[in-house]
């Protein structure tokens, strides 16, 4: 009788270990996204301000310029949420007037809240697209 070599136990466990590691990484990613969503993605507020300023070609702020220099820990902060549609909440939203306007601002709102569904954003981005 000849003995057939048996596969080593570590060889059989490699696929399982890969699945466990992959599942753990996905779970960690989901936990990170959930934590950012609960916190309101505070690190995205400044890039959103810059993007909208460039897009609108005018000053766009989500908080008072004077308040930005004060103690930030006591001030309410702007928050952005993405689950269930785009939601923006800010203690102050300021959009400067266009260059041709004689008004000092286009929008100056306190305790602002905006909620848009993704279908609304799609329709605004692609006019004439089917609903």
C-alpha atoms as a PDB file:
ATOM      1  CA  UNK A   1       0.000   0.000   0.000  1.00  0.00           C
ATOM      2  CA  UNK A   2       1.239   3.433  -0.875  1.00  0.00           C
ATOM      3  CA  UNK A   3       0.452   6.378   1.249  1.00  0.00           C
ATOM      4  CA  UNK A   4      -1.014   9.278  -0.665  1.00  0.00           C
ATOM      5  CA  UNK A   5       0.209  12.625   0.548  1.00  0.00           C
ATOM      6  CA  UNK A   6      -2.448  14.580   2.395  1.00  0.00           C
ATOM      7  CA  UNK A   7      -2.722  18.312   1.875  1.00  0.00           C
ATOM      8  CA  UNK A   8      -1.423  20.290   4.777  1.00  0.00           C
ATOM      9  CA  UNK A   9      -4.091  21.801   7.048  1.00  0.00           C
ATOM     10  CA  UNK A  10      -2.831  25.336   6.371  1.00  0.00           C
ATOM     11  CA  UNK A  11      -3.446  24.889   2.633  1.00  0.00           C
ATOM     12  CA  UNK A  12      -7.117  24.088   3.228  1.00  0.00           C
ATOM     13  CA  UNK A  13      -7.550  27.064   5.538  1.00  0.00           C
ATOM     14  CA  UNK A  14      -6.197  29.716   3.159  1.00  0.00           C
ATOM     15  CA  UNK A  15      -9.460  30.349   1.280  1.00  0.00           C
ATOM     16  CA  UNK A  16     -11.340  30.604   4.563  1.00  0.00           C
ATOM     17  CA  UNK A  17      -8.747  32.973   5.990  1.00  0.00           C
ATOM     18  CA  UNK A  18      -9.025  35.148   2.881  1.00  0.00           C
ATOM     19  CA  UNK A  19     -12.792  35.287   3.231  1.00  0.00           C
ATOM     20  CA  UNK A  20     -12.519  36.204   6.900  1.00  0.00           C
ATOM     21  CA  UNK A  21      -9.957  38.945   6.199  1.00  0.00           C
ATOM     22  CA  UNK A  22     -11.985  40.259   3.241  1.00  0.00           C
ATOM     23  CA  UNK A  23     -15.196  40.226   5.262  1.00  0.00           C
ATOM     24  CA  UNK A  24     -13.463  41.989   8.127  1.00  0.00           C
ATOM     25  CA  UNK A  25     -12.179  44.708   5.791  1.00  0.00           C
ATOM     26  CA  UNK A  26     -15.671  45.203   4.331  1.00  0.00           C
ATOM     27  CA  UNK A  27     -17.111  45.416   7.841  1.00  0.00           C
ATOM     28  CA  UNK A  28     -14.449  47.969   8.805  1.00  0.00           C
ATOM     29  CA  UNK A  29     -15.216  50.028   5.690  1.00  0.00           C
ATOM     30  CA  UNK A  30     -18.969  49.944   6.437  1.00  0.00           C
ATOM     31  CA  UNK A  31     -18.317  51.020  10.049  1.00  0.00           C
ATOM     32  CA  UNK A  32     -16.143  53.917   8.827  1.00  0.00           C
ATOM     33  CA  UNK A  33     -18.820  55.099   6.386  1.00  0.00           C
ATOM     34  CA  UNK A  34     -21.495  54.836   9.103  1.00  0.00           C
ATOM     35  CA  UNK A  35     -19.341  56.836  11.539  1.00  0.00           C
ATOM     36  CA  UNK A  36     -18.730  59.563   8.931  1.00  0.00           C
ATOM     37  CA  UNK A  37     -22.435  59.704   8.083  1.00  0.00           C
ATOM     38  CA  UNK A  38     -23.370  60.118  11.753  1.00  0.00           C
ATOM     39  CA  UNK A  39     -20.701  62.824  12.182  1.00  0.00           C
ATOM     40  CA  UNK A  40     -21.942  64.666   9.082  1.00  0.00           C
ATOM     41  CA  UNK A  41     -18.718  64.296   7.042  1.00  0.00           C
ATOM     42  CA  UNK A  42     -17.107  67.398   8.628  1.00  0.00           C
ATOM     43  CA  UNK A  43     -13.941  67.073   6.537  1.00  0.00           C
ATOM     44  CA  UNK A  44     -15.998  67.511   3.335  1.00  0.00           C
ATOM     45  CA  UNK A  45     -17.440  70.923   4.261  1.00  0.00           C
ATOM     46  CA  UNK A  46     -14.413  72.943   3.088  1.00  0.00           C
ATOM     47  CA  UNK A  47     -14.033  71.063  -0.230  1.00  0.00           C
ATOM     48  CA  UNK A  48     -17.775  71.531  -0.880  1.00  0.00           C
ATOM     49  CA  UNK A  49     -17.412  75.268  -0.216  1.00  0.00           C
ATOM     50  CA  UNK A  50     -14.478  75.476  -2.652  1.00  0.00           C
ATOM     51  CA  UNK A  51     -16.262  73.416  -5.320  1.00  0.00           C
ATOM     52  CA  UNK A  52     -19.440  75.483  -5.131  1.00  0.00           C
ATOM     53  CA  UNK A  53     -17.469  78.756  -5.135  1.00  0.00           C
ATOM     54  CA  UNK A  54     -15.711  77.662  -8.346  1.00  0.00           C
ATOM     55  CA  UNK A  55     -18.903  76.338  -9.922  1.00  0.00           C
ATOM     56  CA  UNK A  56     -20.995  79.402  -9.075  1.00  0.00           C
ATOM     57  CA  UNK A  57     -18.064  81.750  -9.753  1.00  0.00           C
ATOM     58  CA  UNK A  58     -18.738  83.648  -6.558  1.00  0.00           C
ATOM     59  CA  UNK A  59     -18.107  83.371  -2.837  1.00  0.00           C
ATOM     60  CA  UNK A  60     -19.951  80.486  -1.139  1.00  0.00           C
ATOM     61  CA  UNK A  61     -19.639  79.879   2.617  1.00  0.00           C
ATOM     62  CA  UNK A  62     -21.312  77.514   5.052  1.00  0.00           C
ATOM     63  CA  UNK A  63     -20.392  79.478   8.184  1.00  0.00           C
ATOM     64  CA  UNK A  64     -19.673  83.056   9.215  1.00  0.00           C
ATOM     65  CA  UNK A  65     -16.234  84.323   8.235  1.00  0.00           C
ATOM     66  CA  UNK A  66     -16.021  86.026  11.645  1.00  0.00           C
ATOM     67  CA  UNK A  67     -17.045  82.821  13.420  1.00  0.00           C
ATOM     68  CA  UNK A  68     -14.387  80.790  11.597  1.00  0.00           C
ATOM     69  CA  UNK A  69     -11.672  82.627  13.532  1.00  0.00           C
ATOM     70  CA  UNK A  70     -13.290  82.134  16.954  1.00  0.00           C
ATOM     71  CA  UNK A  71     -13.324  79.029  19.129  1.00  0.00           C
ATOM     72  CA  UNK A  72     -14.638  76.385  16.716  1.00  0.00           C
ATOM     73  CA  UNK A  73     -15.506  73.885  19.468  1.00  0.00           C
ATOM     74  CA  UNK A  74     -18.476  75.960  20.692  1.00  0.00           C
ATOM     75  CA  UNK A  75     -19.937  76.761  17.273  1.00  0.00           C
ATOM     76  CA  UNK A  76     -22.511  74.638  15.476  1.00  0.00           C
ATOM     77  CA  UNK A  77     -20.932  73.079  12.405  1.00  0.00           C
ATOM     78  CA  UNK A  78     -22.171  72.453   8.921  1.00  0.00           C
ATOM     79  CA  UNK A  79     -22.971  68.824   8.151  1.00  0.00           C
ATOM     80  CA  UNK A  80     -23.489  66.874   4.956  1.00  0.00           C
ATOM     81  CA  UNK A  81     -25.321  63.563   4.752  1.00  0.00           C
ATOM     82  CA  UNK A  82     -25.581  61.229   1.767  1.00  0.00           C
ATOM     83  CA  UNK A  83     -27.829  58.357   2.876  1.00  0.00           C
ATOM     84  CA  UNK A  84     -31.428  58.776   1.744  1.00  0.00           C
ATOM     85  CA  UNK A  85     -30.573  61.741  -0.478  1.00  0.00           C
ATOM     86  CA  UNK A  86     -28.275  64.721  -0.125  1.00  0.00           C
ATOM     87  CA  UNK A  87     -28.859  66.674   3.092  1.00  0.00           C
ATOM     88  CA  UNK A  88     -27.032  69.848   4.056  1.00  0.00           C
ATOM     89  CA  UNK A  89     -27.442  71.624   7.392  1.00  0.00           C
ATOM     90  CA  UNK A  90     -25.471  74.744   8.211  1.00  0.00           C
ATOM     91  CA  UNK A  91     -25.642  77.483  10.816  1.00  0.00           C
ATOM     92  CA  UNK A  92     -25.033  80.047   8.067  1.00  0.00           C
ATOM     93  CA  UNK A  93     -25.122  79.839   4.260  1.00  0.00           C
ATOM     94  CA  UNK A  94     -23.786  82.781   2.299  1.00  0.00           C
ATOM     95  CA  UNK A  95     -23.737  83.066  -1.501  1.00  0.00           C
ATOM     96  CA  UNK A  96     -22.329  86.321  -2.871  1.00  0.00           C
ATOM     97  CA  UNK A  97     -24.204  88.264  -5.518  1.00  0.00           C
ATOM     98  CA  UNK A  98     -23.117  87.957  -9.151  1.00  0.00           C
ATOM     99  CA  UNK A  99     -20.749  90.632 -10.468  1.00  0.00           C
ATOM    100  CA  UNK A 100     -23.515  92.425 -12.392  1.00  0.00           C
ATOM    101  CA  UNK A 101     -25.775  92.752  -9.340  1.00  0.00           C
ATOM    102  CA  UNK A 102     -25.951  95.797  -7.088  1.00  0.00           C
ATOM    103  CA  UNK A 103     -27.095  93.677  -4.124  1.00  0.00           C
ATOM    104  CA  UNK A 104     -24.520  92.677  -1.471  1.00  0.00           C
ATOM    105  CA  UNK A 105     -25.495  88.984  -1.574  1.00  0.00           C
ATOM    106  CA  UNK A 106     -27.600  86.456  -3.457  1.00  0.00           C
ATOM    107  CA  UNK A 107     -28.432  84.367  -0.361  1.00  0.00           C
ATOM    108  CA  UNK A 108     -27.712  84.939   3.314  1.00  0.00           C
ATOM    109  CA  UNK A 109     -29.490  82.303   5.430  1.00  0.00           C
ATOM    110  CA  UNK A 110     -29.247  81.322   9.091  1.00  0.00           C
ATOM    111  CA  UNK A 111     -29.926  77.767  10.338  1.00  0.00           C
ATOM    112  CA  UNK A 112     -30.294  76.533   6.771  1.00  0.00           C
ATOM    113  CA  UNK A 113     -31.391  73.022   5.872  1.00  0.00           C
ATOM    114  CA  UNK A 114     -31.504  71.560   2.374  1.00  0.00           C
ATOM    115  CA  UNK A 115     -32.663  68.076   1.410  1.00  0.00           C
ATOM    116  CA  UNK A 116     -32.604  66.791  -2.165  1.00  0.00           C
ATOM    117  CA  UNK A 117     -33.288  63.339  -3.513  1.00  0.00           C
ATOM    118  CA  UNK A 118     -30.806  61.847  -5.948  1.00  0.00           C
ATOM    119  CA  UNK A 119     -33.460  61.811  -8.682  1.00  0.00           C
ATOM    120  CA  UNK A 120     -33.856  65.589  -8.256  1.00  0.00           C
ATOM    121  CA  UNK A 121     -30.106  66.054  -8.596  1.00  0.00           C
ATOM    122  CA  UNK A 122     -30.071  63.821 -11.688  1.00  0.00           C
ATOM    123  CA  UNK A 123     -32.854  65.861 -13.304  1.00  0.00           C
ATOM    124  CA  UNK A 124     -31.049  69.134 -12.566  1.00  0.00           C
ATOM    125  CA  UNK A 125     -27.776  67.757 -13.936  1.00  0.00           C
ATOM    126  CA  UNK A 126     -29.310  66.194 -17.083  1.00  0.00           C
ATOM    127  CA  UNK A 127     -32.231  68.341 -18.269  1.00  0.00           C
ATOM    128  CA  UNK A 128     -34.573  66.534 -20.627  1.00  0.00           C
ATOM    129  CA  UNK A 129     -33.714  63.109 -19.213  1.00  0.00           C
ATOM    130  CA  UNK A 130     -36.639  60.757 -18.590  1.00  0.00           C
ATOM    131  CA  UNK A 131     -38.000  60.812 -15.052  1.00  0.00           C
END
